[in-house]
Protein backbone atom coordinates (compact mmCIF):
# COMPACT_ATOMS: atom_id res chain seq x y z
CA MET A 1 0.00 0.00 0.00
CA ILE A 2 1.15 3.52 -0.75
CA ASP A 3 0.68 5.75 2.26
CA MET A 4 1.73 9.25 1.33
CA PRO A 5 0.88 12.11 3.73
CA ILE A 6 1.42 15.58 2.30
CA HIS A 7 1.41 18.68 4.49
CA ARG A 8 -1.28 21.23 3.78
CA ALA A 9 1.44 23.84 3.33
CA MET A 10 2.59 21.96 0.21
CA LEU A 11 -0.91 21.90 -1.26
CA SER A 12 -0.73 25.40 -2.68
CA VAL A 13 2.48 24.45 -4.46
CA LEU A 14 1.22 21.16 -5.87
CA PHE A 15 -2.11 22.61 -6.92
CA GLY A 16 -1.09 26.20 -7.60
CA VAL A 17 -2.64 26.37 -11.05
CA LEU A 18 -5.42 24.01 -9.99
CA LEU A 19 -6.93 26.58 -7.67
CA VAL A 20 -7.75 28.90 -10.58
CA SER A 21 -11.17 27.56 -11.56
CA ASN A 22 -12.89 27.62 -14.92
CA LEU A 23 -15.57 25.07 -14.07
CA SER A 24 -19.16 25.88 -13.23
CA ALA A 25 -19.91 25.40 -9.53
CA SER A 26 -23.44 24.19 -10.30
CA GLN A 27 -22.25 21.32 -12.51
CA THR A 28 -20.75 17.91 -11.77
CA TYR A 29 -17.55 16.95 -13.58
CA TRP A 30 -15.76 13.62 -13.79
CA LEU A 31 -13.02 11.79 -15.68
CA SER A 32 -13.91 9.00 -18.10
CA ASP A 33 -11.94 6.46 -20.16
CA ILE A 34 -14.83 5.97 -22.60
CA ALA A 35 -14.00 7.65 -25.92
CA PRO A 36 -16.35 10.34 -27.30
CA THR A 37 -16.09 9.24 -30.94
CA LYS A 38 -15.86 5.96 -32.88
CA GLU A 39 -12.53 7.11 -34.29
CA GLU A 40 -11.09 7.49 -30.78
CA ALA A 41 -12.71 4.25 -29.63
CA ARG A 42 -10.89 2.30 -32.36
CA LYS A 43 -7.58 3.31 -30.76
CA MET A 44 -8.59 1.92 -27.38
CA ARG A 45 -8.22 -1.62 -26.09
CA SER A 46 -9.75 -3.31 -23.06
CA SER A 47 -7.22 -4.23 -20.39
CA HIS A 48 -7.14 -5.18 -16.70
CA GLY A 49 -7.65 -1.55 -15.75
CA GLY A 50 -10.35 -0.57 -18.23
CA MET A 51 -9.71 1.05 -21.59
CA VAL A 52 -6.11 1.80 -22.60
CA ILE A 53 -4.03 2.66 -25.65
CA ARG A 54 -1.67 -0.21 -26.44
CA GLY A 55 1.74 0.82 -27.74
CA LYS A 56 5.01 -0.91 -28.59
CA ARG A 57 6.45 -0.04 -25.19
CA GLY A 58 3.45 -0.64 -23.00
CA TYR A 59 0.13 0.98 -22.26
CA SER A 60 -1.03 4.59 -22.10
CA LYS A 61 -4.13 5.83 -20.36
CA LYS A 62 -6.39 8.42 -22.00
CA LEU A 63 -9.13 10.20 -20.10
CA TRP A 64 -11.75 12.76 -21.06
CA LEU A 65 -13.34 15.46 -18.90
CA ARG A 66 -17.12 15.03 -18.79
CA LYS A 67 -19.96 17.06 -17.31
CA GLY A 68 -23.20 15.68 -15.89
CA GLU A 69 -24.88 13.96 -12.96
CA SER A 70 -25.17 10.61 -14.75
CA ILE A 71 -23.34 8.74 -17.49
CA ALA A 72 -26.30 8.74 -19.85
CA ASP A 73 -26.79 12.52 -19.61
CA SER A 74 -23.12 13.55 -19.53
CA THR A 75 -21.42 15.58 -22.23
CA TYR A 76 -17.74 15.86 -23.11
CA VAL A 77 -16.01 19.13 -22.22
CA GLU A 78 -14.11 20.73 -25.11
CA GLN A 79 -11.71 23.07 -23.27
CA SER A 80 -10.28 23.27 -19.76
CA GLU A 81 -7.25 25.11 -18.43
CA MET A 82 -7.31 23.17 -15.16
CA SER A 83 -4.21 21.23 -14.18
CA LEU A 84 -4.07 17.77 -12.67
CA LEU A 85 -1.80 15.80 -10.37
CA LEU A 86 -0.79 12.23 -11.25
CA VAL A 87 0.46 9.88 -8.53
CA ASP A 88 2.03 6.73 -9.96
CA PRO A 89 2.44 3.31 -8.23
CA LYS A 90 5.84 4.38 -6.89
CA ALA A 91 4.35 7.53 -5.28
CA SER A 92 6.01 9.85 -7.80
CA GLN A 93 3.96 12.96 -8.60
CA SER A 94 3.59 14.77 -11.91
CA LYS A 95 1.59 17.87 -12.79
CA MET A 96 -0.35 17.47 -16.02
CA ALA A 97 -2.70 19.46 -18.25
CA PHE A 98 -5.44 18.76 -20.76
CA SER A 99 -4.52 18.72 -24.43
CA ASN A 100 -7.67 20.64 -25.52
CA LYS A 101 -7.35 19.25 -29.06
CA GLY A 102 -11.04 18.95 -29.81
CA TYR A 103 -11.78 17.76 -26.28
CA ALA A 104 -10.39 18.29 -22.80
CA ASP A 105 -8.46 15.03 -22.68
CA ILE A 106 -5.27 13.86 -21.03
CA THR A 107 -2.92 10.98 -21.88
CA TYR A 108 -0.14 9.55 -19.75
CA LYS A 109 2.16 6.56 -20.16
CA MET A 110 1.85 3.73 -17.67
CA LYS A 111 5.46 2.66 -17.16
CA ASN A 112 5.11 1.05 -13.74
CA GLU A 113 2.87 -1.79 -12.66
CA GLY A 114 0.11 -1.00 -10.22
CA TYR A 115 -2.49 1.70 -9.64
CA TYR A 116 -2.23 5.24 -11.00
CA ASN A 117 -4.30 7.96 -9.32
CA LEU A 118 -5.13 11.17 -11.15
CA PHE A 119 -6.57 14.09 -9.15
CA MET A 120 -8.12 17.36 -10.22
CA THR A 121 -9.34 19.92 -7.67
CA ASP A 122 -11.51 22.99 -8.17
CA ARG A 123 -12.41 25.62 -5.56
CA GLN A 124 -14.66 28.64 -5.95
CA ILE A 125 -17.22 30.58 -3.93
CA ASP A 126 -20.84 30.55 -5.05
CA GLY A 127 -23.58 32.23 -3.01
CA GLY A 128 -21.36 32.58 0.05
CA VAL A 129 -20.50 28.86 0.02
CA LEU A 130 -17.07 27.47 -0.88
CA GLN A 131 -17.60 24.82 -3.56
CA GLU A 132 -14.76 22.30 -3.44
CA SER A 133 -14.79 19.56 -6.08
CA VAL A 134 -12.31 16.70 -6.43
CA LEU A 135 -12.23 14.66 -9.62
CA LYS A 136 -10.44 11.34 -9.28
CA ASN A 137 -9.52 8.49 -11.59
CA GLU A 138 -7.88 5.26 -10.45
CA SER A 139 -6.38 3.17 -13.27
CA LEU A 140 -4.54 -0.14 -13.15
CA ASN A 141 -1.54 -1.13 -15.23
CA HIS A 142 -0.73 -4.84 -15.25
CA SER A 143 0.95 -7.29 -17.62
CA CYS A 144 0.75 -11.03 -16.96
CA ARG A 145 4.25 -11.34 -18.38
CA ASN A 146 5.52 -9.78 -15.14
CA GLY A 147 4.06 -12.61 -13.07
CA HIS A 148 1.78 -12.37 -10.04
CA ASP A 149 3.86 -13.26 -6.99
CA HIS A 150 4.77 -9.64 -6.30
CA VAL A 151 1.37 -7.95 -6.62
CA LYS A 152 -0.02 -8.56 -3.12
CA ASP A 153 1.46 -5.34 -1.70
CA MET A 154 0.31 -3.33 -4.72
CA VAL A 155 -3.43 -4.05 -4.41
CA PRO A 156 -4.49 -1.85 -1.42
CA PRO A 157 -5.84 1.63 -2.28
CA LEU A 158 -3.95 4.89 -2.06
CA TYR A 159 -4.73 7.08 0.95
CA PHE A 160 -3.61 10.44 -0.40
CA ASP A 161 -3.44 13.46 1.90
CA GLY A 162 -3.06 15.93 -0.95
CA THR A 163 -6.79 16.58 -1.21
CA SER A 164 -9.10 17.53 1.65
CA PHE A 165 -12.02 15.43 0.30
CA ASP A 166 -11.53 12.00 -1.20
CA ILE A 167 -13.54 8.92 -2.14
CA ILE A 168 -11.73 5.60 -1.99
CA ARG A 169 -12.86 2.25 -3.37
CA GLU A 170 -12.27 -0.40 -0.74
CA ARG A 171 -10.82 -3.67 -2.01
CA LEU A 172 -12.88 -6.83 -2.31
CA PRO A 173 -11.81 -9.94 -0.34
CA ARG A 174 -10.73 -11.64 -3.58
CA GLU A 175 -9.04 -8.50 -4.94
CA SER A 176 -6.27 -9.05 -7.47
CA PHE A 177 -5.05 -7.45 -10.67
CA HIS A 178 -7.38 -9.82 -12.54
CA LEU A 179 -10.50 -8.83 -10.64
CA ARG A 180 -13.48 -7.79 -12.74
CA MET A 181 -16.24 -6.25 -10.65
CA GLY A 182 -19.52 -7.82 -11.64
CA SER A 183 -23.23 -7.77 -10.93
CA GLY A 184 -23.95 -9.02 -7.42
CA ASP A 185 -20.62 -7.79 -6.02
CA ILE A 186 -20.69 -5.51 -2.99
CA ILE A 187 -18.73 -2.42 -3.97
CA SER A 188 -17.78 -0.28 -0.99
CA TYR A 189 -16.52 3.30 -0.97
CA LYS A 190 -15.01 5.23 1.90
CA VAL A 191 -15.37 9.00 2.07
CA MET A 192 -12.50 10.90 3.72
CA LEU A 193 -12.44 14.51 4.89
CA ASN A 194 -9.06 15.91 5.92
CA GLY A 195 -7.72 12.37 6.21
CA LYS A 196 -10.54 11.08 8.45
CA PRO A 197 -13.70 9.09 7.59
CA VAL A 198 -16.76 11.32 7.38
CA SER A 199 -20.20 10.18 8.52
CA GLY A 200 -23.41 11.34 6.83
CA ALA A 201 -21.97 12.06 3.39
CA ALA A 202 -24.34 11.35 0.48
CA VAL A 203 -22.90 8.86 -2.00
CA THR A 204 -24.70 8.18 -5.29
CA MET A 205 -23.94 5.37 -7.69
CA SER A 206 -25.40 5.51 -11.21
CA THR A 207 -24.83 3.08 -14.05
CA GLN A 208 -24.53 3.48 -17.78
CA LYS A 209 -28.06 2.11 -18.26
CA GLY A 210 -29.66 4.61 -15.89
CA TRP A 211 -29.96 2.79 -12.55
CA ALA A 212 -29.11 5.01 -9.57
CA LYS A 213 -29.05 4.73 -5.78
CA THR A 214 -28.01 7.13 -3.00
CA LEU A 215 -26.74 6.10 0.43
CA LYS A 216 -25.43 7.91 3.49
CA THR A 217 -22.01 6.96 4.85
CA ASP A 218 -21.91 5.24 8.22
CA SER A 219 -19.77 6.12 11.23
CA GLU A 220 -16.71 4.70 9.43
CA GLY A 221 -17.35 6.82 6.33
CA ARG A 222 -18.46 3.78 4.33
CA ALA A 223 -21.22 3.32 1.74
CA ALA A 224 -21.64 -0.12 0.16
CA PHE A 225 -23.61 -0.86 -3.01
CA GLU A 226 -24.64 -4.19 -4.49
CA MET A 227 -23.89 -3.92 -8.19
CA ILE A 228 -27.08 -4.28 -10.15
CA ARG A 229 -27.58 -6.97 -12.78
CA ASP A 230 -28.70 -5.15 -15.92
CA TYR A 231 -27.34 -7.29 -18.75
CA TYR A 232 -29.94 -9.67 -20.25
CA PRO A 233 -29.03 -10.47 -23.86
CA PRO A 234 -30.21 -13.59 -25.73
CA TRP A 235 -28.07 -16.65 -25.09
CA HIS A 236 -26.33 -16.50 -28.45
CA GLU A 237 -25.39 -12.83 -27.92
CA PHE A 238 -24.02 -13.11 -24.37
CA LYS A 239 -20.51 -11.66 -23.94
CA LYS A 240 -18.77 -12.32 -20.65
CA ARG A 241 -16.38 -9.41 -21.32
CA ASN A 242 -19.20 -6.91 -21.91
CA MET A 243 -18.09 -3.76 -20.07
CA GLU A 244 -20.42 -1.14 -18.58
CA SER A 245 -19.49 2.02 -16.68
CA PHE A 246 -20.70 3.47 -13.41
CA LEU A 247 -20.28 6.87 -11.78
CA ILE A 248 -19.81 7.63 -8.07
CA ILE A 249 -20.63 11.08 -6.65
CA ALA A 250 -19.97 11.86 -2.97
CA GLU A 251 -21.20 15.10 -1.36
CA TYR A 252 -20.91 16.59 2.10
CA GLU A 253 -21.80 19.98 3.57
CA SER A 254 -19.90 21.64 6.40
CA ASP A 255 -20.69 24.85 8.30
CA GLU A 256 -17.01 25.86 8.33
CA ASN A 257 -16.40 29.51 7.53
CA GLY A 258 -13.36 31.40 6.42
CA MET A 259 -11.74 33.32 3.59
CA TYR A 260 -10.76 32.14 0.13
CA GLN A 261 -8.94 34.40 -2.33
CA GLY A 262 -10.03 37.46 -0.33
CA GLU A 263 -13.71 36.46 -0.25
CA HIS A 264 -15.62 35.31 2.85
CA TYR A 265 -17.63 32.06 2.92
CA ASP A 266 -20.06 30.68 5.53
CA GLY A 267 -20.00 27.02 4.59
CA ILE A 268 -18.28 24.43 2.42
CA HIS A 269 -19.90 22.06 -0.05
CA TYR A 270 -17.57 19.17 -0.81
CA LYS A 271 -18.01 16.97 -3.88
CA ALA A 272 -15.91 14.08 -5.18
CA THR A 273 -16.42 12.02 -8.33
CA ALA A 274 -14.95 8.75 -9.56
CA ALA A 275 -15.90 6.38 -12.35
CA GLY A 276 -15.45 2.63 -12.73
CA ASN A 277 -16.31 -0.34 -14.89
CA TYR A 278 -18.17 -3.57 -14.23
CA TYR A 279 -18.88 -6.80 -16.11
CA PRO A 280 -21.40 -9.64 -16.07
CA SER A 281 -21.00 -11.84 -13.02
CA THR A 282 -19.34 -15.23 -13.55
CA ARG A 283 -22.61 -16.65 -12.22
CA ASP A 284 -24.42 -15.04 -15.15
CA TYR A 285 -22.48 -16.64 -17.95
CA LYS A 286 -22.23 -19.93 -16.05
CA SER A 287 -26.02 -19.96 -15.76
CA TYR A 288 -26.21 -19.22 -19.50
CA ALA A 289 -23.85 -22.14 -20.12
CA TYR A 290 -25.84 -24.43 -17.82
CA GLY A 291 -29.06 -23.38 -19.53
CA LEU A 292 -27.54 -24.09 -22.94
CA LEU A 293 -26.27 -27.48 -21.75
CA ILE A 294 -29.67 -28.42 -20.32
CA GLY A 295 -31.30 -27.31 -23.56
CA LEU A 296 -28.91 -29.46 -25.61
CA ILE A 297 -29.50 -32.46 -23.36
CA GLY A 298 -33.24 -31.99 -23.69
CA LEU A 299 -32.96 -31.69 -27.46
CA MET A 300 -30.83 -34.84 -27.73
CA ALA A 301 -33.23 -36.74 -25.46
CA SER A 302 -36.15 -35.69 -27.67
CA VAL A 303 -34.34 -36.81 -30.82
CA PHE A 304 -33.50 -40.21 -29.33
CA PHE A 305 -37.05 -40.64 -28.00
CA ILE A 306 -38.60 -39.89 -31.40
CA TYR A 307 -36.10 -42.14 -33.17
CA PHE A 308 -36.65 -45.18 -30.94
CA HIS A 309 -40.42 -44.62 -30.81
CA ARG A 310 -40.68 -44.63 -34.59
CA LYS A 311 -38.35 -47.61 -34.86
CA ARG A 312 -40.50 -49.60 -32.43
CA ARG A 313 -43.67 -48.76 -34.28
CA ALA A 314 -42.04 -49.74 -37.57
CA ASN A 315 -41.00 -53.12 -36.12
CA GLN A 316 -44.49 -53.71 -34.70
CA TYR A 317 -46.26 -53.37 -38.05
CA GLN A 318 -43.78 -55.08 -40.34
CA GLU A 319 -45.33 -56.73 -43.38
CA LYS A 320 -44.93 -60.55 -43.50
CA ARG A 321 -45.50 -62.77 -46.51
CA LEU A 322 -47.07 -66.20 -46.07
CA ALA A 323 -45.78 -69.10 -48.15
């Protein structure tokens, strides 16, 4: 696990450009690895950590800035001057910026194995309330050629003290670099405020197909969702690698007051977003396989029954000639 505390005094240095906002306080923004066009989608490949660009020297991750409360209703942002902070699996930090070449997108090479965390923070005052938004993307880089004996210490999540408000996906008991979250899994998120779990935060999960649910965090800052099953294709069209996306939005209001950039505020509205992907449960495609097997057995039994029944009837009424 990477445990990397960063003093608040360093925050203004790391996020110096980040604090200059050009995002609307009334909107929700998030980072997505789903391409906006078919042309861009053709460059992407599915990997252990979602969609990536496969190159001769490894993978690159490409993300797009999107705006909206749900995946279905979100649009892609064309321009953004905001900067971002990338924390790689070795805890190295890099400041990054959007390319703004048609869309506000960002690409980085994944040289090390493990989880990459990309953060983007926006602060501005709206109606006397400090609006603080944290956009987060956690991406995995893994190659089976590197083996699997060394990955145990690389699975736990990053607890990063560089943002005041964070949402962290807790690991499943069977967590590994080959894990694919599926329908029926309990997906748990922990909401942190100034490095401590926060109780009473509203956490909303919404899926690509429109399902949504909101929960309040418990005393340990935890909200756990059971991933919905929403993939029901015909048997012959079932794809066990069918990938769908979900969006997590965490919000919390505090009555803290203070000054920001020379302007007074009487409260803080925190918001954090993170996206993820999920797949059909192994139980789903096993049940499809069992159903297909039972259907084939039934069909074969019917064929044999009809064959032997007709053969018996044919033997029963055979024509005989008398001498």
